[in-house]
Amino acid sequence: SFLKHVVDPGFVYDTEYLTHTFFERVRP
């Protein structure tokens, strides 16, 4: 899901969204 998000042509770098979705909400 993370790779698809970053590859997406409409990718917008949003550090809060990235860290919340792909870092903080997942198991270690």
PDB file of all heavy atoms in Angstrom:
ATOM      1  N   SER A   1       0.829  -1.202   0.000  1.00  0.00           N
ATOM      2  CA  SER A   1       0.000   0.000   0.000  1.00  0.00           C
ATOM      3  C   SER A   1       0.867   1.257   0.000  1.00  0.00           C
ATOM      4  O   SER A   1       0.577   2.224  -0.713  1.00  0.00           O
ATOM      5  CB  SER A   1      -0.914  -0.026   1.221  1.00  0.00           C
ATOM      6  OG  SER A   1      -1.672   1.136   1.306  1.00  0.00           O
ATOM      7  N   PHE A   2       1.937   1.242   0.782  1.00  0.00           N
ATOM      8  CA  PHE A   2       2.859   2.380   0.831  1.00  0.00           C
ATOM      9  C   PHE A   2       3.530   2.596  -0.522  1.00  0.00           C
ATOM     10  O   PHE A   2       3.589   3.724  -1.016  1.00  0.00           O
ATOM     11  CB  PHE A   2       3.908   2.147   1.926  1.00  0.00           C
ATOM     12  CG  PHE A   2       5.010   3.154   1.918  1.00  0.00           C
ATOM     13  CD1 PHE A   2       4.765   4.467   2.288  1.00  0.00           C
ATOM     14  CD2 PHE A   2       6.292   2.800   1.539  1.00  0.00           C
ATOM     15  CE1 PHE A   2       5.789   5.407   2.278  1.00  0.00           C
ATOM     16  CE2 PHE A   2       7.309   3.727   1.528  1.00  0.00           C
ATOM     17  CZ  PHE A   2       7.056   5.035   1.889  1.00  0.00           C
ATOM     18  N   LEU A   3       4.019   1.522  -1.142  1.00  0.00           N
ATOM     19  CA  LEU A   3       4.677   1.653  -2.449  1.00  0.00           C
ATOM     20  C   LEU A   3       3.711   2.188  -3.498  1.00  0.00           C
ATOM     21  O   LEU A   3       4.070   3.063  -4.293  1.00  0.00           O
ATOM     22  CB  LEU A   3       5.267   0.313  -2.891  1.00  0.00           C
ATOM     23  CG  LEU A   3       6.430  -0.206  -2.047  1.00  0.00           C
ATOM     24  CD1 LEU A   3       6.848  -1.600  -2.509  1.00  0.00           C
ATOM     25  CD2 LEU A   3       7.606   0.741  -2.068  1.00  0.00           C
ATOM     26  N   LYS A   4       2.479   1.700  -3.496  1.00  0.00           N
ATOM     27  CA  LYS A   4       1.473   2.202  -4.438  1.00  0.00           C
ATOM     28  C   LYS A   4       1.199   3.687  -4.210  1.00  0.00           C
ATOM     29  O   LYS A   4       1.011   4.437  -5.157  1.00  0.00           O
ATOM     30  CB  LYS A   4       0.180   1.401  -4.312  1.00  0.00           C
ATOM     31  CG  LYS A   4       0.254   0.027  -4.911  1.00  0.00           C
ATOM     32  CD  LYS A   4      -1.037  -0.730  -4.717  1.00  0.00           C
ATOM     33  CE  LYS A   4      -0.896  -2.154  -5.196  1.00  0.00           C
ATOM     34  NZ  LYS A   4      -2.074  -2.971  -4.880  1.00  0.00           N
ATOM     35  N   HIS A   5       1.165   4.076  -2.958  1.00  0.00           N
ATOM     36  CA  HIS A   5       0.919   5.491  -2.636  1.00  0.00           C
ATOM     37  C   HIS A   5       2.033   6.376  -3.189  1.00  0.00           C
ATOM     38  O   HIS A   5       1.772   7.418  -3.791  1.00  0.00           O
ATOM     39  CB  HIS A   5       0.796   5.677  -1.122  1.00  0.00           C
ATOM     40  CG  HIS A   5       0.691   7.098  -0.699  1.00  0.00           C
ATOM     41  ND1 HIS A   5      -0.457   7.837  -0.889  1.00  0.00           N
ATOM     42  CD2 HIS A   5       1.587   7.935  -0.136  1.00  0.00           C
ATOM     43  CE1 HIS A   5      -0.253   9.068  -0.448  1.00  0.00           C
ATOM     44  NE2 HIS A   5       0.980   9.155   0.022  1.00  0.00           N
ATOM     45  N   VAL A   6       3.283   5.962  -3.008  1.00  0.00           N
ATOM     46  CA  VAL A   6       4.410   6.785  -3.435  1.00  0.00           C
ATOM     47  C   VAL A   6       4.554   6.790  -4.957  1.00  0.00           C
ATOM     48  O   VAL A   6       4.966   7.788  -5.542  1.00  0.00           O
ATOM     49  CB  VAL A   6       5.720   6.319  -2.746  1.00  0.00           C
ATOM     50  CG1 VAL A   6       6.911   7.122  -3.218  1.00  0.00           C
ATOM     51  CG2 VAL A   6       5.586   6.440  -1.230  1.00  0.00           C
ATOM     52  N   VAL A   7       4.199   5.707  -5.616  1.00  0.00           N
ATOM     53  CA  VAL A   7       4.291   5.612  -7.083  1.00  0.00           C
ATOM     54  C   VAL A   7       3.173   6.389  -7.764  1.00  0.00           C
ATOM     55  O   VAL A   7       3.333   6.847  -8.893  1.00  0.00           O
ATOM     56  CB  VAL A   7       4.246   4.129  -7.520  1.00  0.00           C
ATOM     57  CG1 VAL A   7       4.055   3.990  -9.008  1.00  0.00           C
ATOM     58  CG2 VAL A   7       5.507   3.416  -7.100  1.00  0.00           C
ATOM     59  N   ASP A   8       2.073   6.578  -7.097  1.00  0.00           N
ATOM     60  CA  ASP A   8       0.903   7.221  -7.687  1.00  0.00           C
ATOM     61  C   ASP A   8       1.281   8.550  -8.346  1.00  0.00           C
ATOM     62  O   ASP A   8       1.986   9.364  -7.758  1.00  0.00           O
ATOM     63  CB  ASP A   8      -0.126   7.471  -6.592  1.00  0.00           C
ATOM     64  CG  ASP A   8      -1.465   7.921  -7.130  1.00  0.00           C
ATOM     65  OD1 ASP A   8      -1.500   8.849  -7.963  1.00  0.00           O
ATOM     66  OD2 ASP A   8      -2.476   7.348  -6.721  1.00  0.00           O
ATOM     67  N   PRO A   9       0.816   8.770  -9.599  1.00  0.00           N
ATOM     68  CA  PRO A   9       1.116  10.034 -10.286  1.00  0.00           C
ATOM     69  C   PRO A   9       0.620  11.261  -9.521  1.00  0.00           C
ATOM     70  O   PRO A   9       1.177  12.344  -9.648  1.00  0.00           O
ATOM     71  CB  PRO A   9       0.386   9.914 -11.623  1.00  0.00           C
ATOM     72  CG  PRO A   9       0.112   8.475 -11.807  1.00  0.00           C
ATOM     73  CD  PRO A   9       0.042   7.864 -10.442  1.00  0.00           C
ATOM     74  N   GLY A  10      -0.391  11.089  -8.702  1.00  0.00           N
ATOM     75  CA  GLY A  10      -0.930  12.193  -7.920  1.00  0.00           C
ATOM     76  C   GLY A  10      -0.284  12.321  -6.542  1.00  0.00           C
ATOM     77  O   GLY A  10      -0.817  12.993  -5.670  1.00  0.00           O
ATOM     78  N   PHE A  11       0.861  11.671  -6.349  1.00  0.00           N
ATOM     79  CA  PHE A  11       1.541  11.692  -5.054  1.00  0.00           C
ATOM     80  C   PHE A  11       1.829  13.115  -4.604  1.00  0.00           C
ATOM     81  O   PHE A  11       2.374  13.925  -5.354  1.00  0.00           O
ATOM     82  CB  PHE A  11       2.858  10.914  -5.134  1.00  0.00           C
ATOM     83  CG  PHE A  11       3.704  10.994  -3.885  1.00  0.00           C
ATOM     84  CD1 PHE A  11       3.385  10.242  -2.778  1.00  0.00           C
ATOM     85  CD2 PHE A  11       4.818  11.820  -3.828  1.00  0.00           C
ATOM     86  CE1 PHE A  11       4.159  10.301  -1.629  1.00  0.00           C
ATOM     87  CE2 PHE A  11       5.599  11.884  -2.694  1.00  0.00           C
ATOM     88  CZ  PHE A  11       5.271  11.124  -1.586  1.00  0.00           C
ATOM     89  N   VAL A  12       1.428  13.407  -3.390  1.00  0.00           N
ATOM     90  CA  VAL A  12       1.725  14.693  -2.755  1.00  0.00           C
ATOM     91  C   VAL A  12       2.441  14.362  -1.451  1.00  0.00           C
ATOM     92  O   VAL A  12       1.922  13.600  -0.634  1.00  0.00           O
ATOM     93  CB  VAL A  12       0.443  15.503  -2.474  1.00  0.00           C
ATOM     94  CG1 VAL A  12       0.764  16.764  -1.706  1.00  0.00           C
ATOM     95  CG2 VAL A  12      -0.281  15.816  -3.765  1.00  0.00           C
ATOM     96  N   TYR A  13       3.609  14.931  -1.278  1.00  0.00           N
ATOM     97  CA  TYR A  13       4.377  14.670  -0.067  1.00  0.00           C
ATOM     98  C   TYR A  13       3.723  15.380   1.111  1.00  0.00           C
ATOM     99  O   TYR A  13       3.644  16.598   1.150  1.00  0.00           O
ATOM    100  CB  TYR A  13       5.820  15.138  -0.252  1.00  0.00           C
ATOM    101  CG  TYR A  13       6.656  15.015   0.989  1.00  0.00           C
ATOM    102  CD1 TYR A  13       7.013  13.769   1.472  1.00  0.00           C
ATOM    103  CD2 TYR A  13       7.059  16.132   1.689  1.00  0.00           C
ATOM    104  CE1 TYR A  13       7.763  13.637   2.615  1.00  0.00           C
ATOM    105  CE2 TYR A  13       7.812  16.021   2.836  1.00  0.00           C
ATOM    106  CZ  TYR A  13       8.162  14.772   3.298  1.00  0.00           C
ATOM    107  OH  TYR A  13       8.902  14.651   4.433  1.00  0.00           O
ATOM    108  N   ASP A  14       3.225  14.596   2.038  1.00  0.00           N
ATOM    109  CA  ASP A  14       2.596  15.120   3.247  1.00  0.00           C
ATOM    110  C   ASP A  14       3.117  14.298   4.415  1.00  0.00           C
ATOM    111  O   ASP A  14       2.674  13.178   4.653  1.00  0.00           O
ATOM    112  CB  ASP A  14       1.079  15.017   3.140  1.00  0.00           C
ATOM    113  CG  ASP A  14       0.347  15.533   4.365  1.00  0.00           C
ATOM    114  OD1 ASP A  14       1.001  15.911   5.354  1.00  0.00           O
ATOM    115  OD2 ASP A  14      -0.892  15.549   4.335  1.00  0.00           O
ATOM    116  N   THR A  15       4.073  14.858   5.121  1.00  0.00           N
ATOM    117  CA  THR A  15       4.748  14.104   6.172  1.00  0.00           C
ATOM    118  C   THR A  15       3.793  13.619   7.260  1.00  0.00           C
ATOM    119  O   THR A  15       3.939  12.512   7.769  1.00  0.00           O
ATOM    120  CB  THR A  15       5.917  14.908   6.771  1.00  0.00           C
ATOM    121  OG1 THR A  15       6.674  14.058   7.613  1.00  0.00           O
ATOM    122  CG2 THR A  15       5.455  16.113   7.539  1.00  0.00           C
ATOM    123  N   GLU A  16       2.801  14.425   7.609  1.00  0.00           N
ATOM    124  CA  GLU A  16       1.850  14.008   8.643  1.00  0.00           C
ATOM    125  C   GLU A  16       1.048  12.791   8.196  1.00  0.00           C
ATOM    126  O   GLU A  16       0.867  11.848   8.954  1.00  0.00           O
ATOM    127  CB  GLU A  16       0.922  15.165   9.014  1.00  0.00           C
ATOM    128  CG  GLU A  16       1.619  16.284   9.755  1.00  0.00           C
ATOM    129  CD  GLU A  16       2.253  15.827  11.061  1.00  0.00           C
ATOM    130  OE1 GLU A  16       1.634  15.044  11.811  1.00  0.00           O
ATOM    131  OE2 GLU A  16       3.389  16.257  11.334  1.00  0.00           O
ATOM    132  N   TYR A  17       0.565  12.814   6.966  1.00  0.00           N
ATOM    133  CA  TYR A  17      -0.199  11.681   6.449  1.00  0.00           C
ATOM    134  C   TYR A  17       0.676  10.431   6.368  1.00  0.00           C
ATOM    135  O   TYR A  17       0.264   9.350   6.783  1.00  0.00           O
ATOM    136  CB  TYR A  17      -0.782  12.006   5.073  1.00  0.00           C
ATOM    137  CG  TYR A  17      -1.474  10.815   4.452  1.00  0.00           C
ATOM    138  CD1 TYR A  17      -2.756  10.446   4.844  1.00  0.00           C
ATOM    139  CD2 TYR A  17      -0.835  10.041   3.484  1.00  0.00           C
ATOM    140  CE1 TYR A  17      -3.387   9.340   4.293  1.00  0.00           C
ATOM    141  CE2 TYR A  17      -1.461   8.930   2.933  1.00  0.00           C
ATOM    142  CZ  TYR A  17      -2.728   8.588   3.340  1.00  0.00           C
ATOM    143  OH  TYR A  17      -3.335   7.490   2.808  1.00  0.00           O
ATOM    144  N   LEU A  18       1.876  10.572   5.819  1.00  0.00           N
ATOM    145  CA  LEU A  18       2.775   9.426   5.669  1.00  0.00           C
ATOM    146  C   LEU A  18       3.098   8.781   7.009  1.00  0.00           C
ATOM    147  O   LEU A  18       3.002   7.556   7.154  1.00  0.00           O
ATOM    148  CB  LEU A  18       4.083   9.851   4.997  1.00  0.00           C
ATOM    149  CG  LEU A  18       4.009  10.166   3.520  1.00  0.00           C
ATOM    150  CD1 LEU A  18       5.298  10.837   3.062  1.00  0.00           C
ATOM    151  CD2 LEU A  18       3.760   8.901   2.729  1.00  0.00           C
ATOM    152  N   THR A  19       3.497   9.594   7.965  1.00  0.00           N
ATOM    153  CA  THR A  19       3.889   9.017   9.252  1.00  0.00           C
ATOM    154  C   THR A  19       2.692   8.454  10.012  1.00  0.00           C
ATOM    155  O   THR A  19       2.812   7.419  10.658  1.00  0.00           O
ATOM    156  CB  THR A  19       4.641  10.045  10.121  1.00  0.00           C
ATOM    157  OG1 THR A  19       3.846  11.213  10.278  1.00  0.00           O
ATOM    158  CG2 THR A  19       5.977  10.404   9.503  1.00  0.00           C
ATOM    159  N   HIS A  20       1.546   9.099   9.893  1.00  0.00           N
ATOM    160  CA  HIS A  20       0.360   8.582  10.582  1.00  0.00           C
ATOM    161  C   HIS A  20      -0.099   7.258   9.966  1.00  0.00           C
ATOM    162  O   HIS A  20      -0.358   6.297  10.682  1.00  0.00           O
ATOM    163  CB  HIS A  20      -0.777   9.605  10.535  1.00  0.00           C
ATOM    164  CG  HIS A  20      -2.033   9.112  11.168  1.00  0.00           C
ATOM    165  ND1 HIS A  20      -2.184   8.974  12.523  1.00  0.00           N
ATOM    166  CD2 HIS A  20      -3.199   8.688  10.618  1.00  0.00           C
ATOM    167  CE1 HIS A  20      -3.384   8.489  12.786  1.00  0.00           C
ATOM    168  NE2 HIS A  20      -4.023   8.315  11.649  1.00  0.00           N
ATOM    169  N   THR A  21      -0.179   7.214   8.659  1.00  0.00           N
ATOM    170  CA  THR A  21      -0.736   6.049   7.975  1.00  0.00           C
ATOM    171  C   THR A  21       0.231   4.873   7.883  1.00  0.00           C
ATOM    172  O   THR A  21      -0.168   3.726   8.080  1.00  0.00           O
ATOM    173  CB  THR A  21      -1.191   6.438   6.551  1.00  0.00           C
ATOM    174  OG1 THR A  21      -2.100   7.537   6.666  1.00  0.00           O
ATOM    175  CG2 THR A  21      -1.862   5.283   5.845  1.00  0.00           C
ATOM    176  N   PHE A  22       1.480   5.146   7.571  1.00  0.00           N
ATOM    177  CA  PHE A  22       2.421   4.062   7.285  1.00  0.00           C
ATOM    178  C   PHE A  22       3.488   3.858   8.354  1.00  0.00           C
ATOM    179  O   PHE A  22       4.380   3.033   8.185  1.00  0.00           O
ATOM    180  CB  PHE A  22       3.107   4.320   5.937  1.00  0.00           C
ATOM    181  CG  PHE A  22       2.140   4.423   4.802  1.00  0.00           C
ATOM    182  CD1 PHE A  22       1.878   5.635   4.192  1.00  0.00           C
ATOM    183  CD2 PHE A  22       1.466   3.306   4.342  1.00  0.00           C
ATOM    184  CE1 PHE A  22       0.973   5.737   3.146  1.00  0.00           C
ATOM    185  CE2 PHE A  22       0.556   3.390   3.292  1.00  0.00           C
ATOM    186  CZ  PHE A  22       0.309   4.608   2.699  1.00  0.00           C
ATOM    187  N   PHE A  23       3.410   4.609   9.455  1.00  0.00           N
ATOM    188  CA  PHE A  23       4.433   4.464  10.488  1.00  0.00           C
ATOM    189  C   PHE A  23       3.818   4.300  11.875  1.00  0.00           C
ATOM    190  O   PHE A  23       4.102   3.339  12.570  1.00  0.00           O
ATOM    191  CB  PHE A  23       5.363   5.688  10.460  1.00  0.00           C
ATOM    192  CG  PHE A  23       6.635   5.508  11.219  1.00  0.00           C
ATOM    193  CD1 PHE A  23       7.708   4.844  10.653  1.00  0.00           C
ATOM    194  CD2 PHE A  23       6.768   6.010  12.496  1.00  0.00           C
ATOM    195  CE1 PHE A  23       8.878   4.679  11.354  1.00  0.00           C
ATOM    196  CE2 PHE A  23       7.938   5.849  13.202  1.00  0.00           C
ATOM    197  CZ  PHE A  23       8.997   5.177  12.630  1.00  0.00           C
ATOM    198  N   GLU A  24       2.965   5.217  12.259  1.00  0.00           N
ATOM    199  CA  GLU A  24       2.421   5.193  13.611  1.00  0.00           C
ATOM    200  C   GLU A  24       1.315   4.162  13.806  1.00  0.00           C
ATOM    201  O   GLU A  24       1.181   3.605  14.888  1.00  0.00           O
ATOM    202  CB  GLU A  24       1.898   6.582  13.980  1.00  0.00           C
ATOM    203  CG  GLU A  24       2.991   7.613  14.068  1.00  0.00           C
ATOM    204  CD  GLU A  24       2.465   9.028  14.163  1.00  0.00           C
ATOM    205  OE1 GLU A  24       1.235   9.234  14.051  1.00  0.00           O
ATOM    206  OE2 GLU A  24       3.301   9.936  14.325  1.00  0.00           O
ATOM    207  N   ARG A  25       0.526   3.908  12.782  1.00  0.00           N
ATOM    208  CA  ARG A  25      -0.634   3.012  12.917  1.00  0.00           C
ATOM    209  C   ARG A  25      -0.315   1.561  12.627  1.00  0.00           C
ATOM    210  O   ARG A  25      -1.225   0.748  12.521  1.00  0.00           O
ATOM    211  CB  ARG A  25      -1.742   3.471  11.967  1.00  0.00           C
ATOM    212  CG  ARG A  25      -2.399   4.748  12.399  1.00  0.00           C
ATOM    213  CD  ARG A  25      -3.530   5.134  11.497  1.00  0.00           C
ATOM    214  NE  ARG A  25      -4.442   4.042  11.269  1.00  0.00           N
ATOM    215  CZ  ARG A  25      -5.287   3.973  10.259  1.00  0.00           C
ATOM    216  NH1 ARG A  25      -5.323   4.941   9.378  1.00  0.00           N
ATOM    217  NH2 ARG A  25      -6.099   2.962  10.110  1.00  0.00           N
ATOM    218  N   VAL A  26       0.932   1.211  12.488  1.00  0.00           N
ATOM    219  CA  VAL A  26       1.283  -0.172  12.164  1.00  0.00           C
ATOM    220  C   VAL A  26       2.122  -0.783  13.280  1.00  0.00           C
ATOM    221  O   VAL A  26       2.755  -0.069  14.066  1.00  0.00           O
ATOM    222  CB  VAL A  26       2.024  -0.274  10.813  1.00  0.00           C
ATOM    223  CG1 VAL A  26       1.150   0.214   9.681  1.00  0.00           C
ATOM    224  CG2 VAL A  26       3.318   0.490  10.841  1.00  0.00           C
ATOM    225  N   ARG A  27       2.116  -2.101  13.326  1.00  0.00           N
ATOM    226  CA  ARG A  27       2.921  -2.806  14.324  1.00  0.00           C
ATOM    227  C   ARG A  27       4.399  -2.546  14.077  1.00  0.00           C
ATOM    228  O   ARG A  27       4.805  -2.274  12.948  1.00  0.00           O
ATOM    229  CB  ARG A  27       2.659  -4.305  14.232  1.00  0.00           C
ATOM    230  CG  ARG A  27       1.341  -4.703  14.852  1.00  0.00           C
ATOM    231  CD  ARG A  27       1.180  -6.201  14.797  1.00  0.00           C
ATOM    232  NE  ARG A  27       0.077  -6.417  13.871  1.00  0.00           N
ATOM    233  CZ  ARG A  27      -0.064  -7.449  13.078  1.00  0.00           C
ATOM    234  NH1 ARG A  27       0.827  -8.388  13.057  1.00  0.00           N
ATOM    235  NH2 ARG A  27      -1.098  -7.551  12.298  1.00  0.00           N
ATOM    236  N   PRO A  28       5.212  -2.658  15.113  1.00  0.00           N
ATOM    237  CA  PRO A  28       6.654  -2.420  14.952  1.00  0.00           C
ATOM    238  C   PRO A  28       7.316  -3.268  13.861  1.00  0.00           C
ATOM    239  O   PRO A  28       8.166  -2.768  13.130  1.00  0.00           O
ATOM    240  CB  PRO A  28       7.229  -2.747  16.332  1.00  0.00           C
ATOM    241  CG  PRO A  28       6.107  -2.459  17.273  1.00  0.00           C
ATOM    242  CD  PRO A  28       4.854  -2.862  16.521  1.00  0.00           C
TER     243      PRO A  28
END
